[in-house]
Amino acid sequence: MIAFGRQRQPSEEHEMATASTLETLLTEHDVAFVTGMSVASVRRWRYTGRGPRYLKIGSAVRYRPEEVTAWIEQQAHSHEATARVAQ
C-alpha cells in the first residue's frame, strides 16, 4: 500500500467489505464448473464477446457471480421463440 503523509489503518468494516468482495470473485475455472462447460469454452466466450462480463485485474480474469447468473439467465430460450424463428 502506498501512503502519503499520515498512515491510516483500515477499519474492520472496510477490511470485511474488501475481503467479502474478493472472496466472491470467480475464476474462469469456477465459471466452467458452474456452467458445466470447459475452461476452453469460457475462454472462447470471452475472446468472442459472447460470455459473461468479466474483470481484468492485472493479467487475472475474474467474474462477478451476479454477472455470471445474469448471463446464464439470458441464455434461456423458450420453445415458442424458437418455433417463431423457424416459421
Foldseek 3Di string as FASTA:
>chain_A
DDDDDDDDDDDPVVVVVVVVQVVQWAALVRLCVVVVHDSVVSVVCVVVVNAFDWDCDPNGITHHPVSNVVSVVVPDDDPVVVVVVVD
